[in-house]
Amino acid sequence: MAVLTALIAVAGLGLTSVLAGGAGMELTSAAFKPGEMIPAKYTCDGPDVSPSLTWSDPPAGTKSLALISDDPDAPVGTWVHWVMWNIPADARALEENVPKKESLPNGTKQGTTDFRRIGYGGPCPPSGTHRYFFKLYALDTTLNLPASTAKKDLEKAMQGHILAQAELMGKYRRR
């Protein structure tokens, strides 16, 4: 079944929602507003804890959610900061400071980042201001992937299963 998607940029502030079947999701954070600077607390210049994230209802038929956070401005190419999947379909948030463990109590799995670690690794640009994208995907399935899973393998496993996507972008520049 072909899924019709439309990309909507909300006020040009870095908050994007992809609609599928008429249902859209929005992704926000109490830590920073779309397009604004990410506080040092969530970076290598601070305690490097993950920011809280909240989202609106995913579309009907959602079986799980996945999250990818990356920096397309890295000098070596897109740098992956967080990889998660099997977030329960009824979840509407991730708390601040998600434990850096392969499996969370609710069944969520975390994969390997470009820091070669499991769990969130915050912004740490070598120079200049970089953009950091948090991308949430509503999936029509749960995924059976090992904890060592990287972004490219998660994206491959999600192909053909994405019902909707929401995106939040924040920026960071080292002190």
N, C-alpha and C. Protein backbone atom coordinates (compact mmCIF):
# COMPACT_ATOMS: atom_id res chain seq x y z
N MET A 1 0.85 -1.18 0.00
CA MET A 1 0.00 0.00 0.00
C MET A 1 0.88 1.23 0.00
N ALA A 2 0.64 2.09 -0.92
CA ALA A 2 1.40 3.33 -1.00
C ALA A 2 0.90 4.31 0.04
N VAL A 3 1.83 4.94 0.71
CA VAL A 3 1.48 5.93 1.73
C VAL A 3 1.73 7.31 1.16
N LEU A 4 0.67 8.14 1.15
CA LEU A 4 0.79 9.50 0.66
C LEU A 4 1.34 10.36 1.79
N THR A 5 2.46 11.03 1.54
CA THR A 5 3.04 11.88 2.57
C THR A 5 3.16 13.31 2.07
N ALA A 6 3.01 14.23 2.98
CA ALA A 6 3.17 15.65 2.67
C ALA A 6 4.06 16.26 3.74
N LEU A 7 4.98 17.08 3.33
CA LEU A 7 5.91 17.71 4.26
C LEU A 7 5.40 19.11 4.58
N ILE A 8 5.27 19.40 5.87
CA ILE A 8 4.80 20.70 6.30
C ILE A 8 5.85 21.32 7.22
N ALA A 9 6.34 22.49 6.87
CA ALA A 9 7.27 23.21 7.74
C ALA A 9 6.44 24.18 8.57
N VAL A 10 6.56 24.09 9.86
CA VAL A 10 5.77 24.92 10.76
C VAL A 10 6.55 26.19 11.07
N ALA A 11 6.10 27.30 10.51
CA ALA A 11 6.66 28.64 10.75
C ALA A 11 8.15 28.73 10.46
N GLY A 12 8.70 27.79 9.71
CA GLY A 12 10.11 27.83 9.36
C GLY A 12 11.04 27.76 10.55
N LEU A 13 10.57 27.21 11.65
CA LEU A 13 11.36 27.20 12.88
C LEU A 13 12.08 25.88 13.12
N GLY A 14 12.05 24.97 12.18
CA GLY A 14 12.75 23.71 12.36
C GLY A 14 11.86 22.62 12.89
N LEU A 15 10.58 22.87 13.04
CA LEU A 15 9.64 21.84 13.47
C LEU A 15 8.91 21.37 12.24
N THR A 16 9.03 20.10 11.94
CA THR A 16 8.44 19.56 10.73
C THR A 16 7.59 18.35 11.07
N SER A 17 6.51 18.20 10.37
CA SER A 17 5.65 17.04 10.56
C SER A 17 5.34 16.44 9.20
N VAL A 18 5.44 15.14 9.10
CA VAL A 18 5.06 14.46 7.88
C VAL A 18 3.72 13.79 8.14
N LEU A 19 2.79 14.03 7.25
CA LEU A 19 1.44 13.49 7.41
C LEU A 19 1.28 12.22 6.61
N ALA A 20 0.61 11.25 7.18
CA ALA A 20 0.28 10.02 6.47
C ALA A 20 -1.17 9.71 6.77
N GLY A 21 -1.96 9.57 5.77
CA GLY A 21 -3.36 9.25 5.98
C GLY A 21 -4.09 10.30 6.78
N GLY A 22 -3.65 11.56 6.69
CA GLY A 22 -4.35 12.64 7.35
C GLY A 22 -3.97 12.86 8.80
N ALA A 23 -3.07 12.04 9.35
CA ALA A 23 -2.69 12.19 10.75
C ALA A 23 -1.28 12.75 10.84
N GLY A 24 -1.08 13.78 11.65
CA GLY A 24 0.24 14.37 11.79
C GLY A 24 0.69 14.30 13.23
N MET A 25 2.00 14.26 13.43
CA MET A 25 2.57 14.29 14.77
C MET A 25 3.40 15.55 14.89
N GLU A 26 3.50 16.06 16.09
CA GLU A 26 4.40 17.17 16.39
C GLU A 26 5.33 16.72 17.50
N LEU A 27 6.60 17.10 17.38
CA LEU A 27 7.62 16.74 18.35
C LEU A 27 8.15 18.03 18.97
N THR A 28 8.16 18.09 20.30
CA THR A 28 8.63 19.28 21.00
C THR A 28 9.52 18.88 22.17
N SER A 29 10.18 19.86 22.76
CA SER A 29 11.00 19.64 23.95
C SER A 29 10.82 20.81 24.90
N ALA A 30 10.78 20.51 26.18
CA ALA A 30 10.74 21.57 27.19
C ALA A 30 12.12 22.21 27.32
N ALA A 31 13.16 21.56 26.81
CA ALA A 31 14.53 22.03 26.95
C ALA A 31 14.88 23.16 25.98
N PHE A 32 14.28 23.14 24.78
CA PHE A 32 14.57 24.17 23.79
C PHE A 32 13.42 24.25 22.80
N LYS A 33 13.27 25.42 22.23
CA LYS A 33 12.22 25.64 21.22
C LYS A 33 12.77 25.30 19.84
N PRO A 34 11.90 24.96 18.90
CA PRO A 34 12.36 24.64 17.55
C PRO A 34 13.24 25.73 16.95
N GLY A 35 14.39 25.32 16.42
CA GLY A 35 15.31 26.25 15.78
C GLY A 35 16.19 27.04 16.72
N GLU A 36 15.99 26.89 18.04
CA GLU A 36 16.78 27.65 19.01
C GLU A 36 17.96 26.83 19.52
N MET A 37 18.77 27.47 20.35
CA MET A 37 19.97 26.83 20.88
C MET A 37 19.61 25.78 21.93
N ILE A 38 20.33 24.68 21.89
CA ILE A 38 20.17 23.60 22.88
C ILE A 38 21.03 23.98 24.08
N PRO A 39 20.46 23.96 25.30
CA PRO A 39 21.25 24.31 26.49
C PRO A 39 22.44 23.37 26.69
N ALA A 40 23.53 23.89 27.25
CA ALA A 40 24.76 23.13 27.46
C ALA A 40 24.54 21.86 28.28
N LYS A 41 23.53 21.85 29.12
CA LYS A 41 23.23 20.68 29.95
C LYS A 41 23.09 19.40 29.11
N TYR A 42 22.64 19.56 27.88
CA TYR A 42 22.36 18.42 27.01
C TYR A 42 23.48 18.15 26.02
N THR A 43 24.69 18.67 26.31
CA THR A 43 25.83 18.59 25.39
C THR A 43 27.08 18.11 26.12
N CYS A 44 28.17 17.97 25.36
CA CYS A 44 29.45 17.57 25.95
C CYS A 44 30.04 18.67 26.82
N ASP A 45 29.50 19.88 26.76
CA ASP A 45 29.96 20.96 27.62
C ASP A 45 29.25 20.96 28.97
N GLY A 46 28.33 20.05 29.15
CA GLY A 46 27.58 19.91 30.41
C GLY A 46 27.54 18.44 30.79
N PRO A 47 26.53 18.03 31.54
CA PRO A 47 26.43 16.62 31.96
C PRO A 47 26.05 15.66 30.83
N ASP A 48 25.71 16.20 29.65
CA ASP A 48 25.42 15.39 28.47
C ASP A 48 24.25 14.42 28.69
N VAL A 49 23.18 14.93 29.29
CA VAL A 49 21.97 14.13 29.47
C VAL A 49 21.02 14.41 28.31
N SER A 50 20.18 13.44 28.01
CA SER A 50 19.23 13.63 26.91
C SER A 50 18.14 14.61 27.33
N PRO A 51 17.67 15.43 26.39
CA PRO A 51 16.57 16.35 26.70
C PRO A 51 15.25 15.60 26.74
N SER A 52 14.29 16.16 27.44
CA SER A 52 12.95 15.58 27.40
C SER A 52 12.36 15.86 26.02
N LEU A 53 11.58 14.92 25.53
CA LEU A 53 10.88 15.07 24.26
C LEU A 53 9.43 14.69 24.47
N THR A 54 8.53 15.40 23.83
CA THR A 54 7.10 15.13 23.91
C THR A 54 6.52 15.16 22.50
N TRP A 55 5.54 14.30 22.24
CA TRP A 55 4.93 14.29 20.91
C TRP A 55 3.44 14.08 21.00
N SER A 56 2.78 14.51 19.94
CA SER A 56 1.33 14.35 19.84
C SER A 56 1.02 12.93 19.38
N ASP A 57 -0.28 12.62 19.35
CA ASP A 57 -0.72 11.27 19.00
C ASP A 57 -0.23 10.84 17.63
N PRO A 58 0.35 9.63 17.56
CA PRO A 58 0.70 9.08 16.25
C PRO A 58 -0.57 8.58 15.55
N PRO A 59 -0.49 8.29 14.26
CA PRO A 59 -1.69 7.84 13.53
C PRO A 59 -2.17 6.47 13.98
N ALA A 60 -3.43 6.18 13.67
CA ALA A 60 -3.99 4.86 13.95
C ALA A 60 -3.14 3.81 13.26
N GLY A 61 -2.99 2.67 13.89
CA GLY A 61 -2.19 1.58 13.32
C GLY A 61 -0.75 1.60 13.75
N THR A 62 -0.35 2.61 14.54
CA THR A 62 1.02 2.68 15.03
C THR A 62 1.25 1.56 16.03
N LYS A 63 2.29 0.76 15.80
CA LYS A 63 2.64 -0.36 16.70
C LYS A 63 3.85 0.00 17.57
N SER A 64 4.69 0.91 17.09
CA SER A 64 5.85 1.36 17.86
C SER A 64 6.37 2.66 17.25
N LEU A 65 7.30 3.29 17.97
CA LEU A 65 7.93 4.51 17.51
C LEU A 65 9.44 4.30 17.50
N ALA A 66 10.11 5.06 16.66
CA ALA A 66 11.57 5.04 16.60
C ALA A 66 12.06 6.49 16.60
N LEU A 67 13.28 6.69 17.09
CA LEU A 67 13.86 8.03 17.16
C LEU A 67 15.30 7.98 16.68
N ILE A 68 15.65 8.95 15.86
CA ILE A 68 17.02 9.14 15.41
C ILE A 68 17.37 10.61 15.64
N SER A 69 18.53 10.85 16.24
CA SER A 69 19.01 12.22 16.37
C SER A 69 20.38 12.30 15.71
N ASP A 70 20.55 13.30 14.84
CA ASP A 70 21.82 13.42 14.15
C ASP A 70 22.16 14.87 13.81
N ASP A 71 23.41 15.07 13.41
CA ASP A 71 23.97 16.37 13.08
C ASP A 71 24.47 16.32 11.64
N PRO A 72 23.73 16.91 10.69
CA PRO A 72 24.17 16.87 9.29
C PRO A 72 25.31 17.84 8.98
N ASP A 73 25.69 18.68 9.95
CA ASP A 73 26.73 19.69 9.72
C ASP A 73 28.12 19.23 10.15
N ALA A 74 28.24 17.99 10.62
CA ALA A 74 29.54 17.49 11.07
C ALA A 74 30.53 17.43 9.90
N PRO A 75 31.80 17.75 10.16
CA PRO A 75 32.78 17.77 9.07
C PRO A 75 33.01 16.42 8.41
N VAL A 76 32.74 15.32 9.11
CA VAL A 76 32.96 13.97 8.55
C VAL A 76 31.70 13.41 7.91
N GLY A 77 30.65 14.23 7.79
CA GLY A 77 29.36 13.76 7.30
C GLY A 77 28.40 13.70 8.46
N THR A 78 27.17 13.30 8.22
CA THR A 78 26.16 13.29 9.28
C THR A 78 26.62 12.44 10.45
N TRP A 79 26.58 13.04 11.65
CA TRP A 79 27.02 12.38 12.89
C TRP A 79 25.79 11.97 13.68
N VAL A 80 25.72 10.70 14.06
CA VAL A 80 24.55 10.15 14.75
C VAL A 80 24.72 10.27 16.26
N HIS A 81 23.72 10.89 16.91
CA HIS A 81 23.76 11.14 18.35
C HIS A 81 22.84 10.25 19.17
N TRP A 82 21.84 9.63 18.54
CA TRP A 82 20.90 8.80 19.30
C TRP A 82 20.12 7.92 18.34
N VAL A 83 19.94 6.66 18.72
CA VAL A 83 19.19 5.69 17.92
C VAL A 83 18.31 4.89 18.89
N MET A 84 16.99 4.97 18.69
CA MET A 84 16.04 4.24 19.55
C MET A 84 14.95 3.62 18.69
N TRP A 85 14.42 2.49 19.14
CA TRP A 85 13.28 1.88 18.46
C TRP A 85 12.46 1.08 19.47
N ASN A 86 11.30 0.64 19.03
CA ASN A 86 10.33 -0.08 19.88
C ASN A 86 9.87 0.75 21.08
N ILE A 87 9.84 2.06 20.89
CA ILE A 87 9.21 2.93 21.88
C ILE A 87 7.72 2.58 21.82
N PRO A 88 7.08 2.28 22.95
CA PRO A 88 5.67 1.87 22.91
C PRO A 88 4.78 2.89 22.19
N ALA A 89 3.84 2.37 21.41
CA ALA A 89 2.94 3.23 20.62
C ALA A 89 2.12 4.17 21.49
N ASP A 90 1.87 3.80 22.74
CA ASP A 90 1.06 4.66 23.61
C ASP A 90 1.91 5.68 24.37
N ALA A 91 3.22 5.64 24.21
CA ALA A 91 4.09 6.63 24.86
C ALA A 91 3.91 7.99 24.17
N ARG A 92 4.00 9.06 24.94
CA ARG A 92 3.89 10.41 24.39
C ARG A 92 5.07 11.28 24.79
N ALA A 93 6.08 10.66 25.44
CA ALA A 93 7.23 11.44 25.88
C ALA A 93 8.41 10.55 26.23
N LEU A 94 9.59 11.16 26.18
CA LEU A 94 10.80 10.59 26.75
C LEU A 94 11.23 11.56 27.83
N GLU A 95 11.46 11.05 29.02
CA GLU A 95 11.91 11.89 30.13
C GLU A 95 13.34 12.37 29.88
N GLU A 96 13.69 13.46 30.52
CA GLU A 96 15.07 13.92 30.48
C GLU A 96 15.98 12.83 31.07
N ASN A 97 17.20 12.73 30.56
CA ASN A 97 18.22 11.83 31.07
C ASN A 97 17.81 10.35 30.95
N VAL A 98 17.44 9.95 29.75
CA VAL A 98 17.13 8.53 29.50
C VAL A 98 18.39 7.72 29.79
N PRO A 99 18.27 6.63 30.57
CA PRO A 99 19.45 5.80 30.88
C PRO A 99 20.12 5.30 29.59
N LYS A 100 21.44 5.24 29.62
CA LYS A 100 22.21 4.79 28.45
C LYS A 100 22.37 3.28 28.52
N LYS A 101 21.24 2.59 28.32
CA LYS A 101 21.18 1.13 28.39
C LYS A 101 20.60 0.59 27.09
N GLU A 102 20.96 -0.64 26.75
CA GLU A 102 20.45 -1.28 25.53
C GLU A 102 18.94 -1.40 25.55
N SER A 103 18.38 -1.78 26.70
CA SER A 103 16.93 -1.98 26.83
C SER A 103 16.42 -1.19 28.02
N LEU A 104 15.28 -0.54 27.83
CA LEU A 104 14.64 0.20 28.91
C LEU A 104 13.47 -0.64 29.44
N PRO A 105 12.99 -0.38 30.66
CA PRO A 105 11.92 -1.19 31.25
C PRO A 105 10.65 -1.30 30.40
N ASN A 106 10.35 -0.28 29.58
CA ASN A 106 9.12 -0.31 28.78
C ASN A 106 9.30 -1.03 27.43
N GLY A 107 10.48 -1.63 27.20
CA GLY A 107 10.72 -2.37 25.96
C GLY A 107 11.46 -1.58 24.90
N THR A 108 11.66 -0.29 25.13
CA THR A 108 12.42 0.54 24.18
C THR A 108 13.85 0.02 24.09
N LYS A 109 14.39 0.00 22.87
CA LYS A 109 15.77 -0.42 22.62
C LYS A 109 16.57 0.78 22.15
N GLN A 110 17.86 0.80 22.51
CA GLN A 110 18.76 1.86 22.06
C GLN A 110 19.94 1.24 21.32
N GLY A 111 20.33 1.89 20.24
CA GLY A 111 21.42 1.38 19.43
C GLY A 111 22.70 2.18 19.61
N THR A 112 23.65 1.88 18.75
CA THR A 112 24.98 2.47 18.81
C THR A 112 25.03 3.77 18.02
N THR A 113 25.61 4.79 18.64
CA THR A 113 25.78 6.10 18.00
C THR A 113 27.15 6.17 17.35
N ASP A 114 27.44 7.29 16.71
CA ASP A 114 28.76 7.48 16.13
C ASP A 114 29.82 7.73 17.20
N PHE A 115 29.42 7.86 18.46
CA PHE A 115 30.36 7.92 19.58
C PHE A 115 30.79 6.49 19.97
N ARG A 116 30.20 5.50 19.27
CA ARG A 116 30.45 4.06 19.52
C ARG A 116 29.97 3.65 20.91
N ARG A 117 28.84 4.25 21.31
CA ARG A 117 28.22 3.94 22.61
C ARG A 117 26.72 3.77 22.42
N ILE A 118 26.12 3.10 23.38
CA ILE A 118 24.67 2.94 23.42
C ILE A 118 24.09 4.18 24.11
N GLY A 119 22.97 4.68 23.61
CA GLY A 119 22.27 5.78 24.24
C GLY A 119 22.68 7.14 23.71
N TYR A 120 22.08 8.15 24.28
CA TYR A 120 22.24 9.54 23.85
C TYR A 120 23.68 10.03 24.02
N GLY A 121 24.16 10.72 23.00
CA GLY A 121 25.42 11.45 23.06
C GLY A 121 25.11 12.84 22.52
N GLY A 122 25.24 13.85 23.34
CA GLY A 122 24.80 15.19 22.98
C GLY A 122 25.71 15.92 22.01
N PRO A 123 25.25 17.10 21.59
CA PRO A 123 26.03 17.94 20.68
C PRO A 123 27.43 18.21 21.22
N CYS A 124 28.40 18.18 20.31
CA CYS A 124 29.79 18.44 20.67
C CYS A 124 30.54 18.85 19.40
N PRO A 125 30.07 19.91 18.72
CA PRO A 125 30.67 20.27 17.43
C PRO A 125 32.11 20.76 17.60
N PRO A 126 33.00 20.40 16.67
CA PRO A 126 34.38 20.85 16.77
C PRO A 126 34.54 22.35 16.53
N SER A 127 33.63 22.93 15.74
CA SER A 127 33.67 24.38 15.51
C SER A 127 32.34 24.81 14.90
N GLY A 128 32.02 26.08 15.07
CA GLY A 128 30.82 26.64 14.45
C GLY A 128 29.53 26.17 15.11
N THR A 129 28.44 26.67 14.56
CA THR A 129 27.11 26.30 15.03
C THR A 129 26.59 25.17 14.16
N HIS A 130 26.14 24.09 14.80
CA HIS A 130 25.61 22.94 14.08
C HIS A 130 24.12 22.80 14.38
N ARG A 131 23.42 22.13 13.45
CA ARG A 131 21.99 21.81 13.62
C ARG A 131 21.87 20.35 14.07
N TYR A 132 20.98 20.13 15.02
CA TYR A 132 20.74 18.79 15.56
C TYR A 132 19.28 18.45 15.36
N PHE A 133 19.04 17.38 14.62
CA PHE A 133 17.68 16.96 14.28
C PHE A 133 17.28 15.76 15.14
N PHE A 134 16.12 15.86 15.75
CA PHE A 134 15.49 14.76 16.47
C PHE A 134 14.32 14.33 15.59
N LYS A 135 14.36 13.11 15.07
CA LYS A 135 13.34 12.63 14.14
C LYS A 135 12.61 11.44 14.76
N LEU A 136 11.31 11.60 14.92
CA LEU A 136 10.47 10.56 15.50
C LEU A 136 9.63 9.93 14.40
N TYR A 137 9.60 8.60 14.36
CA TYR A 137 8.87 7.86 13.33
C TYR A 137 7.80 6.99 13.98
N ALA A 138 6.58 7.05 13.47
CA ALA A 138 5.51 6.14 13.86
C ALA A 138 5.58 4.96 12.89
N LEU A 139 5.67 3.74 13.43
CA LEU A 139 5.83 2.54 12.61
C LEU A 139 4.63 1.61 12.75
N ASP A 140 4.35 0.86 11.70
CA ASP A 140 3.25 -0.10 11.73
C ASP A 140 3.69 -1.47 12.21
N THR A 141 4.87 -1.53 12.86
CA THR A 141 5.42 -2.79 13.33
C THR A 141 6.34 -2.52 14.51
N THR A 142 6.77 -3.58 15.19
CA THR A 142 7.89 -3.50 16.12
C THR A 142 9.07 -4.14 15.41
N LEU A 143 10.26 -3.79 15.82
CA LEU A 143 11.46 -4.23 15.12
C LEU A 143 12.29 -5.18 15.98
N ASN A 144 12.77 -6.23 15.37
CA ASN A 144 13.63 -7.19 16.06
C ASN A 144 15.07 -6.94 15.62
N LEU A 145 15.73 -6.03 16.34
CA LEU A 145 17.09 -5.63 15.99
C LEU A 145 18.01 -5.78 17.19
N PRO A 146 19.28 -6.10 16.97
CA PRO A 146 20.23 -6.21 18.09
C PRO A 146 20.60 -4.83 18.65
N ALA A 147 21.08 -4.80 19.87
CA ALA A 147 21.46 -3.54 20.53
C ALA A 147 22.57 -2.82 19.79
N SER A 148 23.35 -3.52 19.03
CA SER A 148 24.45 -2.90 18.30
C SER A 148 23.97 -2.15 17.06
N THR A 149 22.67 -2.14 16.82
CA THR A 149 22.10 -1.53 15.62
C THR A 149 22.48 -0.06 15.52
N ALA A 150 22.91 0.32 14.32
CA ALA A 150 23.27 1.70 14.01
C ALA A 150 22.15 2.33 13.18
N LYS A 151 22.24 3.63 12.97
CA LYS A 151 21.21 4.38 12.24
C LYS A 151 20.89 3.76 10.88
N LYS A 152 21.90 3.43 10.10
CA LYS A 152 21.66 2.92 8.74
C LYS A 152 20.86 1.61 8.78
N ASP A 153 21.11 0.76 9.77
CA ASP A 153 20.38 -0.50 9.89
C ASP A 153 18.95 -0.27 10.37
N LEU A 154 18.78 0.70 11.26
CA LEU A 154 17.43 1.05 11.72
C LEU A 154 16.63 1.62 10.55
N GLU A 155 17.23 2.52 9.80
CA GLU A 155 16.53 3.10 8.64
C GLU A 155 16.13 2.02 7.64
N LYS A 156 16.99 1.06 7.42
CA LYS A 156 16.69 -0.04 6.49
C LYS A 156 15.52 -0.87 7.02
N ALA A 157 15.53 -1.16 8.32
CA ALA A 157 14.45 -1.96 8.92
C ALA A 157 13.12 -1.22 8.91
N MET A 158 13.16 0.12 8.96
CA MET A 158 11.93 0.92 8.97
C MET A 158 11.31 1.08 7.59
N GLN A 159 12.07 0.84 6.53
CA GLN A 159 11.57 1.04 5.16
C GLN A 159 10.25 0.29 4.96
N GLY A 160 9.26 1.01 4.44
CA GLY A 160 7.96 0.43 4.18
C GLY A 160 7.06 0.34 5.40
N HIS A 161 7.54 0.80 6.56
CA HIS A 161 6.77 0.70 7.80
C HIS A 161 6.47 2.06 8.44
N ILE A 162 6.89 3.16 7.84
CA ILE A 162 6.72 4.49 8.42
C ILE A 162 5.33 5.03 8.10
N LEU A 163 4.55 5.29 9.15
CA LEU A 163 3.21 5.86 9.00
C LEU A 163 3.23 7.38 9.08
N ALA A 164 4.13 7.91 9.89
CA ALA A 164 4.24 9.36 10.06
C ALA A 164 5.60 9.67 10.65
N GLN A 165 6.01 10.93 10.50
CA GLN A 165 7.28 11.39 11.04
C GLN A 165 7.12 12.80 11.58
N ALA A 166 7.80 13.08 12.68
CA ALA A 166 7.86 14.43 13.23
C ALA A 166 9.32 14.76 13.49
N GLU A 167 9.66 16.03 13.37
CA GLU A 167 11.05 16.44 13.48
C GLU A 167 11.17 17.71 14.31
N LEU A 168 12.21 17.75 15.12
CA LEU A 168 12.54 18.92 15.93
C LEU A 168 14.02 19.22 15.72
N MET A 169 14.34 20.48 15.42
CA MET A 169 15.72 20.87 15.20
C MET A 169 16.12 21.92 16.21
N GLY A 170 17.28 21.68 16.83
CA GLY A 170 17.89 22.66 17.71
C GLY A 170 19.33 22.89 17.25
N LYS A 171 19.94 23.95 17.74
CA LYS A 171 21.31 24.28 17.33
C LYS A 171 22.22 24.30 18.55
N TYR A 172 23.52 24.16 18.27
CA TYR A 172 24.50 24.27 19.36
C TYR A 172 25.84 24.74 18.80
N ARG A 173 26.50 25.59 19.62
CA ARG A 173 27.85 26.06 19.34
C ARG A 173 28.62 25.92 20.63
N ARG A 174 29.80 25.32 20.57
CA ARG A 174 30.62 25.11 21.78
C ARG A 174 31.05 26.43 22.38
N ARG A 175 31.24 26.42 23.67
CA ARG A 175 31.69 27.61 24.39
C ARG A 175 33.10 27.97 24.01
